[in-house]
Amino acid sequence: MENIINISIDLERDNVVRFTKPKSFDIPETHDEAKEMIIKDISHMCLALVDLISLADHNGYSDRVTLINTSVRFLIESLVVDNDHDHD
């Protein structure tokens, strides 16, 4: 099964990160279909991150432990710590 996720990152834009799908992909019509697509996309993006980290480690650009720790720390700081401050 092929899954295409286009990611555009522009630090000068209000909406820094944009996700799109090719026009050939069906737009989810129900909450359950959207939920399934998002969860699948997150899983596939994690798989892509594993490949990028492995590539960097294999080519000596950085070591996998440092990259994993940096990635996990960024996720925690962005999704857990920032959300904790939203409730203050």
PDB file of N, CA and C in Angstrom:
ATOM      1  N   MET A   1       0.845  -1.173   0.000  1.00  0.00           N
ATOM      2  CA  MET A   1       0.000   0.000   0.000  1.00  0.00           C
ATOM      3  C   MET A   1       0.895   1.242   0.000  1.00  0.00           C
ATOM      4  N   GLU A   2       0.594   2.148  -0.895  1.00  0.00           N
ATOM      5  CA  GLU A   2       1.344   3.398  -0.972  1.00  0.00           C
ATOM      6  C   GLU A   2       0.606   4.488  -0.203  1.00  0.00           C
ATOM      7  N   ASN A   3       1.365   5.272   0.514  1.00  0.00           N
ATOM      8  CA  ASN A   3       0.810   6.421   1.235  1.00  0.00           C
ATOM      9  C   ASN A   3       1.716   7.599   0.940  1.00  0.00           C
ATOM     10  N   ILE A   4       1.156   8.660   0.400  1.00  0.00           N
ATOM     11  CA  ILE A   4       1.940   9.842   0.083  1.00  0.00           C
ATOM     12  C   ILE A   4       1.537  10.968   1.018  1.00  0.00           C
ATOM     13  N   ILE A   5       2.538  11.534   1.681  1.00  0.00           N
ATOM     14  CA  ILE A   5       2.334  12.675   2.576  1.00  0.00           C
ATOM     15  C   ILE A   5       3.303  13.756   2.119  1.00  0.00           C
ATOM     16  N   ASN A   6       2.784  14.849   1.622  1.00  0.00           N
ATOM     17  CA  ASN A   6       3.633  15.971   1.233  1.00  0.00           C
ATOM     18  C   ASN A   6       3.756  16.906   2.434  1.00  0.00           C
ATOM     19  N   ILE A   7       4.993  17.281   2.743  1.00  0.00           N
ATOM     20  CA  ILE A   7       5.249  18.173   3.874  1.00  0.00           C
ATOM     21  C   ILE A   7       5.984  19.398   3.354  1.00  0.00           C
ATOM     22  N   SER A   8       5.403  20.560   3.589  1.00  0.00           N
ATOM     23  CA  SER A   8       6.036  21.819   3.215  1.00  0.00           C
ATOM     24  C   SER A   8       6.327  22.595   4.496  1.00  0.00           C
ATOM     25  N   ILE A   9       7.592  22.976   4.685  1.00  0.00           N
ATOM     26  CA  ILE A   9       7.995  23.722   5.875  1.00  0.00           C
ATOM     27  C   ILE A   9       8.576  25.058   5.419  1.00  0.00           C
ATOM     28  N   ASP A  10       7.977  26.134   5.926  1.00  0.00           N
ATOM     29  CA  ASP A  10       8.435  27.478   5.598  1.00  0.00           C
ATOM     30  C   ASP A  10       8.396  28.303   6.878  1.00  0.00           C
ATOM     31  N   LEU A  11       9.562  28.585   7.430  1.00  0.00           N
ATOM     32  CA  LEU A  11       9.651  29.284   8.706  1.00  0.00           C
ATOM     33  C   LEU A  11       9.174  30.730   8.637  1.00  0.00           C
ATOM     34  N   GLU A  12       8.993  31.256   7.444  1.00  0.00           N
ATOM     35  CA  GLU A  12       8.535  32.632   7.294  1.00  0.00           C
ATOM     36  C   GLU A  12       7.025  32.731   7.106  1.00  0.00           C
ATOM     37  N   ARG A  13       6.342  31.634   7.149  1.00  0.00           N
ATOM     38  CA  ARG A  13       4.901  31.569   6.952  1.00  0.00           C
ATOM     39  C   ARG A  13       4.224  31.444   8.314  1.00  0.00           C
ATOM     40  N   ASP A  14       3.013  31.979   8.455  1.00  0.00           N
ATOM     41  CA  ASP A  14       2.260  31.829   9.709  1.00  0.00           C
ATOM     42  C   ASP A  14       2.032  30.358  10.029  1.00  0.00           C
ATOM     43  N   ASN A  15       1.549  29.641   9.058  1.00  0.00           N
ATOM     44  CA  ASN A  15       1.330  28.197   9.198  1.00  0.00           C
ATOM     45  C   ASN A  15       2.615  27.514   8.723  1.00  0.00           C
ATOM     46  N   VAL A  16       3.583  27.342   9.625  1.00  0.00           N
ATOM     47  CA  VAL A  16       4.934  26.902   9.269  1.00  0.00           C
ATOM     48  C   VAL A  16       4.935  25.560   8.547  1.00  0.00           C
ATOM     49  N   VAL A  17       4.177  24.600   9.056  1.00  0.00           N
ATOM     50  CA  VAL A  17       4.158  23.257   8.478  1.00  0.00           C
ATOM     51  C   VAL A  17       2.808  23.012   7.820  1.00  0.00           C
ATOM     52  N   ARG A  18       2.854  22.546   6.577  1.00  0.00           N
ATOM     53  CA  ARG A  18       1.626  22.191   5.856  1.00  0.00           C
ATOM     54  C   ARG A  18       1.737  20.765   5.352  1.00  0.00           C
ATOM     55  N   PHE A  19       0.676  20.018   5.565  1.00  0.00           N
ATOM     56  CA  PHE A  19       0.586  18.652   5.064  1.00  0.00           C
ATOM     57  C   PHE A  19      -0.457  18.628   3.954  1.00  0.00           C
ATOM     58  N   THR A  20      -0.129  17.975   2.867  1.00  0.00           N
ATOM     59  CA  THR A  20      -1.091  17.807   1.788  1.00  0.00           C
ATOM     60  C   THR A  20      -1.003  16.390   1.253  1.00  0.00           C
ATOM     61  N   LYS A  21      -2.023  16.034   0.526  1.00  0.00           N
ATOM     62  CA  LYS A  21      -2.072  14.744  -0.170  1.00  0.00           C
ATOM     63  C   LYS A  21      -2.259  15.041  -1.652  1.00  0.00           C
ATOM     64  N   PRO A  22      -1.780  14.170  -2.518  1.00  0.00           N
ATOM     65  CA  PRO A  22      -2.029  14.363  -3.945  1.00  0.00           C
ATOM     66  C   PRO A  22      -3.528  14.348  -4.242  1.00  0.00           C
ATOM     67  N   LYS A  23      -3.919  14.990  -5.314  1.00  0.00           N
ATOM     68  CA  LYS A  23      -5.330  15.047  -5.692  1.00  0.00           C
ATOM     69  C   LYS A  23      -5.910  13.661  -5.939  1.00  0.00           C
ATOM     70  N   SER A  24      -5.065  12.701  -6.251  1.00  0.00           N
ATOM     71  CA  SER A  24      -5.549  11.344  -6.530  1.00  0.00           C
ATOM     72  C   SER A  24      -6.010  10.612  -5.268  1.00  0.00           C
ATOM     73  N   PHE A  25      -5.656  11.122  -4.081  1.00  0.00           N
ATOM     74  CA  PHE A  25      -6.077  10.479  -2.839  1.00  0.00           C
ATOM     75  C   PHE A  25      -7.486  10.942  -2.472  1.00  0.00           C
ATOM     76  N   ASP A  26      -8.288  10.010  -2.006  1.00  0.00           N
ATOM     77  CA  ASP A  26      -9.654  10.334  -1.595  1.00  0.00           C
ATOM     78  C   ASP A  26      -9.635  11.100  -0.277  1.00  0.00           C
ATOM     79  N   ILE A  27     -10.425  12.150  -0.206  1.00  0.00           N
ATOM     80  CA  ILE A  27     -10.567  12.931   1.016  1.00  0.00           C
ATOM     81  C   ILE A  27     -11.492  12.160   1.962  1.00  0.00           C
ATOM     82  N   PRO A  28     -11.097  12.007   3.225  1.00  0.00           N
ATOM     83  CA  PRO A  28     -11.965  11.305   4.174  1.00  0.00           C
ATOM     84  C   PRO A  28     -13.311  12.020   4.287  1.00  0.00           C
ATOM     85  N   GLU A  29     -14.365  11.232   4.337  1.00  0.00           N
ATOM     86  CA  GLU A  29     -15.706  11.809   4.412  1.00  0.00           C
ATOM     87  C   GLU A  29     -16.314  11.725   5.799  1.00  0.00           C
ATOM     88  N   THR A  30     -15.767  10.863   6.641  1.00  0.00           N
ATOM     89  CA  THR A  30     -16.312  10.701   7.982  1.00  0.00           C
ATOM     90  C   THR A  30     -15.203  10.908   9.017  1.00  0.00           C
ATOM     91  N   HIS A  31     -15.633  11.099  10.247  1.00  0.00           N
ATOM     92  CA  HIS A  31     -14.692  11.234  11.360  1.00  0.00           C
ATOM     93  C   HIS A  31     -13.802   9.992  11.456  1.00  0.00           C
ATOM     94  N   ASP A  32     -14.396   8.823  11.339  1.00  0.00           N
ATOM     95  CA  ASP A  32     -13.628   7.577  11.456  1.00  0.00           C
ATOM     96  C   ASP A  32     -12.601   7.439  10.329  1.00  0.00           C
ATOM     97  N   GLU A  33     -12.978   7.826   9.113  1.00  0.00           N
ATOM     98  CA  GLU A  33     -12.034   7.772   7.994  1.00  0.00           C
ATOM     99  C   GLU A  33     -10.887   8.756   8.202  1.00  0.00           C
ATOM    100  N   ALA A  34     -11.185   9.958   8.685  1.00  0.00           N
ATOM    101  CA  ALA A  34     -10.149  10.961   8.954  1.00  0.00           C
ATOM    102  C   ALA A  34      -9.219  10.472  10.062  1.00  0.00           C
ATOM    103  N   LYS A  35      -9.804   9.890  11.099  1.00  0.00           N
ATOM    104  CA  LYS A  35      -9.018   9.355  12.211  1.00  0.00           C
ATOM    105  C   LYS A  35      -8.063   8.274  11.720  1.00  0.00           C
ATOM    106  N   GLU A  36      -8.573   7.361  10.910  1.00  0.00           N
ATOM    107  CA  GLU A  36      -7.745   6.275  10.377  1.00  0.00           C
ATOM    108  C   GLU A  36      -6.602   6.833   9.515  1.00  0.00           C
ATOM    109  N   MET A  37      -6.893   7.836   8.686  1.00  0.00           N
ATOM    110  CA  MET A  37      -5.875   8.425   7.825  1.00  0.00           C
ATOM    111  C   MET A  37      -4.790   9.114   8.655  1.00  0.00           C
ATOM    112  N   ILE A  38      -5.194   9.911   9.649  1.00  0.00           N
ATOM    113  CA  ILE A  38      -4.226  10.648  10.478  1.00  0.00           C
ATOM    114  C   ILE A  38      -3.328   9.689  11.250  1.00  0.00           C
ATOM    115  N   ILE A  39      -3.921   8.668  11.852  1.00  0.00           N
ATOM    116  CA  ILE A  39      -3.127   7.709  12.627  1.00  0.00           C
ATOM    117  C   ILE A  39      -2.165   6.957  11.711  1.00  0.00           C
ATOM    118  N   LYS A  40      -2.620   6.593  10.525  1.00  0.00           N
ATOM    119  CA  LYS A  40      -1.755   5.920   9.564  1.00  0.00           C
ATOM    120  C   LYS A  40      -0.628   6.861   9.116  1.00  0.00           C
ATOM    121  N   ASP A  41      -0.953   8.125   8.866  1.00  0.00           N
ATOM    122  CA  ASP A  41       0.069   9.099   8.463  1.00  0.00           C
ATOM    123  C   ASP A  41       1.119   9.287   9.550  1.00  0.00           C
ATOM    124  N   ILE A  42       0.693   9.372  10.800  1.00  0.00           N
ATOM    125  CA  ILE A  42       1.647   9.513  11.910  1.00  0.00           C
ATOM    126  C   ILE A  42       2.567   8.302  11.965  1.00  0.00           C
ATOM    127  N   SER A  43       1.994   7.121  11.826  1.00  0.00           N
ATOM    128  CA  SER A  43       2.790   5.895  11.840  1.00  0.00           C
ATOM    129  C   SER A  43       3.800   5.885  10.700  1.00  0.00           C
ATOM    130  N   HIS A  44       3.359   6.294   9.517  1.00  0.00           N
ATOM    131  CA  HIS A  44       4.258   6.292   8.358  1.00  0.00           C
ATOM    132  C   HIS A  44       5.332   7.378   8.469  1.00  0.00           C
ATOM    133  N   MET A  45       4.993   8.515   9.094  1.00  0.00           N
ATOM    134  CA  MET A  45       6.003   9.550   9.304  1.00  0.00           C
ATOM    135  C   MET A  45       7.051   9.072  10.316  1.00  0.00           C
ATOM    136  N   CYS A  46       6.634   8.299  11.298  1.00  0.00           N
ATOM    137  CA  CYS A  46       7.589   7.716  12.247  1.00  0.00           C
ATOM    138  C   CYS A  46       8.520   6.742  11.523  1.00  0.00           C
ATOM    139  N   LEU A  47       7.961   5.957  10.625  1.00  0.00           N
ATOM    140  CA  LEU A  47       8.771   5.035   9.825  1.00  0.00           C
ATOM    141  C   LEU A  47       9.789   5.814   8.987  1.00  0.00           C
ATOM    142  N   ALA A  48       9.360   6.930   8.400  1.00  0.00           N
ATOM    143  CA  ALA A  48      10.275   7.771   7.622  1.00  0.00           C
ATOM    144  C   ALA A  48      11.366   8.355   8.512  1.00  0.00           C
ATOM    145  N   LEU A  49      11.020   8.754   9.735  1.00  0.00           N
ATOM    146  CA  LEU A  49      12.008   9.289  10.675  1.00  0.00           C
ATOM    147  C   LEU A  49      13.039   8.219  11.032  1.00  0.00           C
ATOM    148  N   VAL A  50      12.588   6.994  11.225  1.00  0.00           N
ATOM    149  CA  VAL A  50      13.504   5.885  11.499  1.00  0.00           C
ATOM    150  C   VAL A  50      14.496   5.739  10.342  1.00  0.00           C
ATOM    151  N   ASP A  51      13.991   5.812   9.112  1.00  0.00           N
ATOM    152  CA  ASP A  51      14.873   5.701   7.946  1.00  0.00           C
ATOM    153  C   ASP A  51      15.877   6.857   7.886  1.00  0.00           C
ATOM    154  N   LEU A  52      15.417   8.089   8.162  1.00  0.00           N
ATOM    155  CA  LEU A  52      16.325   9.243   8.146  1.00  0.00           C
ATOM    156  C   LEU A  52      17.404   9.127   9.216  1.00  0.00           C
ATOM    157  N   ILE A  53      17.002   8.722  10.412  1.00  0.00           N
ATOM    158  CA  ILE A  53      17.968   8.553  11.503  1.00  0.00           C
ATOM    159  C   ILE A  53      18.970   7.459  11.161  1.00  0.00           C
ATOM    160  N   SER A  54      18.488   6.354  10.612  1.00  0.00           N
ATOM    161  CA  SER A  54      19.379   5.258  10.217  1.00  0.00           C
ATOM    162  C   SER A  54      20.349   5.699   9.128  1.00  0.00           C
ATOM    163  N   LEU A  55      19.856   6.483   8.169  1.00  0.00           N
ATOM    164  CA  LEU A  55      20.702   6.994   7.091  1.00  0.00           C
ATOM    165  C   LEU A  55      21.801   7.899   7.645  1.00  0.00           C
ATOM    166  N   ALA A  56      21.423   8.809   8.543  1.00  0.00           N
ATOM    167  CA  ALA A  56      22.401   9.716   9.145  1.00  0.00           C
ATOM    168  C   ALA A  56      23.436   8.943   9.952  1.00  0.00           C
ATOM    169  N   ASP A  57      22.978   7.952  10.703  1.00  0.00           N
ATOM    170  CA  ASP A  57      23.886   7.135  11.511  1.00  0.00           C
ATOM    171  C   ASP A  57      24.820   6.333  10.614  1.00  0.00           C
ATOM    172  N   HIS A  58      24.272   5.686   9.607  1.00  0.00           N
ATOM    173  CA  HIS A  58      25.053   4.851   8.692  1.00  0.00           C
ATOM    174  C   HIS A  58      26.140   5.653   7.966  1.00  0.00           C
ATOM    175  N   ASN A  59      25.817   6.899   7.608  1.00  0.00           N
ATOM    176  CA  ASN A  59      26.773   7.736   6.865  1.00  0.00           C
ATOM    177  C   ASN A  59      27.674   8.575   7.764  1.00  0.00           C
ATOM    178  N   GLY A  60      27.525   8.420   9.080  1.00  0.00           N
ATOM    179  CA  GLY A  60      28.400   9.107  10.016  1.00  0.00           C
ATOM    180  C   GLY A  60      28.089  10.588  10.197  1.00  0.00           C
ATOM    181  N   TYR A  61      26.877  11.023   9.814  1.00  0.00           N
ATOM    182  CA  TYR A  61      26.496  12.431   9.987  1.00  0.00           C
ATOM    183  C   TYR A  61      26.195  12.736  11.449  1.00  0.00           C
ATOM    184  N   SER A  62      25.687  11.750  12.151  1.00  0.00           N
ATOM    185  CA  SER A  62      25.390  11.845  13.573  1.00  0.00           C
ATOM    186  C   SER A  62      25.145  10.424  14.055  1.00  0.00           C
ATOM    187  N   ASP A  63      25.109  10.243  15.355  1.00  0.00           N
ATOM    188  CA  ASP A  63      24.831   8.886  15.835  1.00  0.00           C
ATOM    189  C   ASP A  63      23.351   8.755  16.177  1.00  0.00           C
ATOM    190  N   ARG A  64      22.856   7.553  16.020  1.00  0.00           N
ATOM    191  CA  ARG A  64      21.417   7.310  16.175  1.00  0.00           C
ATOM    192  C   ARG A  64      20.912   7.643  17.569  1.00  0.00           C
ATOM    193  N   VAL A  65      21.697   7.395  18.620  1.00  0.00           N
ATOM    194  CA  VAL A  65      21.238   7.685  19.983  1.00  0.00           C
ATOM    195  C   VAL A  65      21.016   9.189  20.164  1.00  0.00           C
ATOM    196  N   THR A  66      21.948  10.002  19.676  1.00  0.00           N
ATOM    197  CA  THR A  66      21.789  11.454  19.768  1.00  0.00           C
ATOM    198  C   THR A  66      20.551  11.910  19.001  1.00  0.00           C
ATOM    199  N   LEU A  67      20.368  11.404  17.803  1.00  0.00           N
ATOM    200  CA  LEU A  67      19.221  11.794  16.980  1.00  0.00           C
ATOM    201  C   LEU A  67      17.897  11.344  17.594  1.00  0.00           C
ATOM    202  N   ILE A  68      17.880  10.152  18.142  1.00  0.00           N
ATOM    203  CA  ILE A  68      16.660   9.651  18.802  1.00  0.00           C
ATOM    204  C   ILE A  68      16.343  10.521  20.016  1.00  0.00           C
ATOM    205  N   ASN A  69      17.347  10.780  20.851  1.00  0.00           N
ATOM    206  CA  ASN A  69      17.134  11.611  22.040  1.00  0.00           C
ATOM    207  C   ASN A  69      16.665  13.011  21.672  1.00  0.00           C
ATOM    208  N   THR A  70      17.267  13.591  20.643  1.00  0.00           N
ATOM    209  CA  THR A  70      16.873  14.923  20.189  1.00  0.00           C
ATOM    210  C   THR A  70      15.429  14.909  19.692  1.00  0.00           C
ATOM    211  N   SER A  71      15.058  13.895  18.924  1.00  0.00           N
ATOM    212  CA  SER A  71      13.698  13.796  18.381  1.00  0.00           C
ATOM    213  C   SER A  71      12.666  13.621  19.493  1.00  0.00           C
ATOM    214  N   VAL A  72      12.946  12.732  20.424  1.00  0.00           N
ATOM    215  CA  VAL A  72      12.006  12.483  21.523  1.00  0.00           C
ATOM    216  C   VAL A  72      11.887  13.724  22.411  1.00  0.00           C
ATOM    217  N   ARG A  73      13.008  14.365  22.712  1.00  0.00           N
ATOM    218  CA  ARG A  73      12.985  15.581  23.529  1.00  0.00           C
ATOM    219  C   ARG A  73      12.150  16.664  22.835  1.00  0.00           C
ATOM    220  N   PHE A  74      12.322  16.831  21.515  1.00  0.00           N
ATOM    221  CA  PHE A  74      11.557  17.831  20.775  1.00  0.00           C
ATOM    222  C   PHE A  74      10.058  17.524  20.836  1.00  0.00           C
ATOM    223  N   LEU A  75       9.692  16.264  20.660  1.00  0.00           N
ATOM    224  CA  LEU A  75       8.271  15.881  20.737  1.00  0.00           C
ATOM    225  C   LEU A  75       7.703  16.168  22.121  1.00  0.00           C
ATOM    226  N   ILE A  76       8.430  15.800  23.144  1.00  0.00           N
ATOM    227  CA  ILE A  76       7.952  16.033  24.513  1.00  0.00           C
ATOM    228  C   ILE A  76       7.825  17.520  24.796  1.00  0.00           C
ATOM    229  N   GLU A  77       8.852  18.284  24.420  1.00  0.00           N
ATOM    230  CA  GLU A  77       8.806  19.726  24.683  1.00  0.00           C
ATOM    231  C   GLU A  77       7.706  20.408  23.879  1.00  0.00           C
ATOM    232  N   SER A  78       7.460  19.953  22.679  1.00  0.00           N
ATOM    233  CA  SER A  78       6.449  20.573  21.814  1.00  0.00           C
ATOM    234  C   SER A  78       5.032  20.155  22.164  1.00  0.00           C
ATOM    235  N   LEU A  79       4.850  18.899  22.529  1.00  0.00           N
ATOM    236  CA  LEU A  79       3.495  18.377  22.708  1.00  0.00           C
ATOM    237  C   LEU A  79       3.071  18.227  24.164  1.00  0.00           C
ATOM    238  N   VAL A  80       4.017  17.993  25.040  1.00  0.00           N
ATOM    239  CA  VAL A  80       3.667  17.781  26.446  1.00  0.00           C
ATOM    240  C   VAL A  80       3.918  19.037  27.255  1.00  0.00           C
ATOM    241  N   VAL A  81       5.132  19.554  27.210  1.00  0.00           N
ATOM    242  CA  VAL A  81       5.499  20.710  28.020  1.00  0.00           C
ATOM    243  C   VAL A  81       4.711  21.943  27.574  1.00  0.00           C
ATOM    244  N   ASP A  82       4.647  22.223  26.264  1.00  0.00           N
ATOM    245  CA  ASP A  82       3.891  23.375  25.771  1.00  0.00           C
ATOM    246  C   ASP A  82       2.419  23.270  26.124  1.00  0.00           C
ATOM    247  N   ASN A  83       1.859  22.064  26.051  1.00  0.00           N
ATOM    248  CA  ASN A  83       0.447  21.880  26.399  1.00  0.00           C
ATOM    249  C   ASN A  83       0.213  22.099  27.882  1.00  0.00           C
ATOM    250  N   ASP A  84       1.193  21.744  28.711  1.00  0.00           N
ATOM    251  CA  ASP A  84       1.057  21.992  30.155  1.00  0.00           C
ATOM    252  C   ASP A  84       0.957  23.482  30.441  1.00  0.00           C
ATOM    253  N   HIS A  85       1.702  24.286  29.688  1.00  0.00           N
ATOM    254  CA  HIS A  85       1.673  25.735  29.881  1.00  0.00           C
ATOM    255  C   HIS A  85       0.387  26.367  29.363  1.00  0.00           C
ATOM    256  N   ASP A  86      -0.281  25.709  28.435  1.00  0.00           N
ATOM    257  CA  ASP A  86      -1.539  26.227  27.901  1.00  0.00           C
ATOM    258  C   ASP A  86      -2.624  26.293  28.981  1.00  0.00           C
ATOM    259  N   HIS A  87      -2.467  25.458  30.012  1.00  0.00           N
ATOM    260  CA  HIS A  87      -3.487  25.389  31.049  1.00  0.00           C
ATOM    261  C   HIS A  87      -3.213  26.332  32.216  1.00  0.00           C
ATOM    262  N   ASP A  88      -2.073  26.999  32.203  1.00  0.00           N
ATOM    263  CA  ASP A  88      -1.730  27.933  33.307  1.00  0.00           C
ATOM    264  C   ASP A  88      -2.571  29.190  33.259  1.00  0.00           C
TER     265      ASP A  88
END
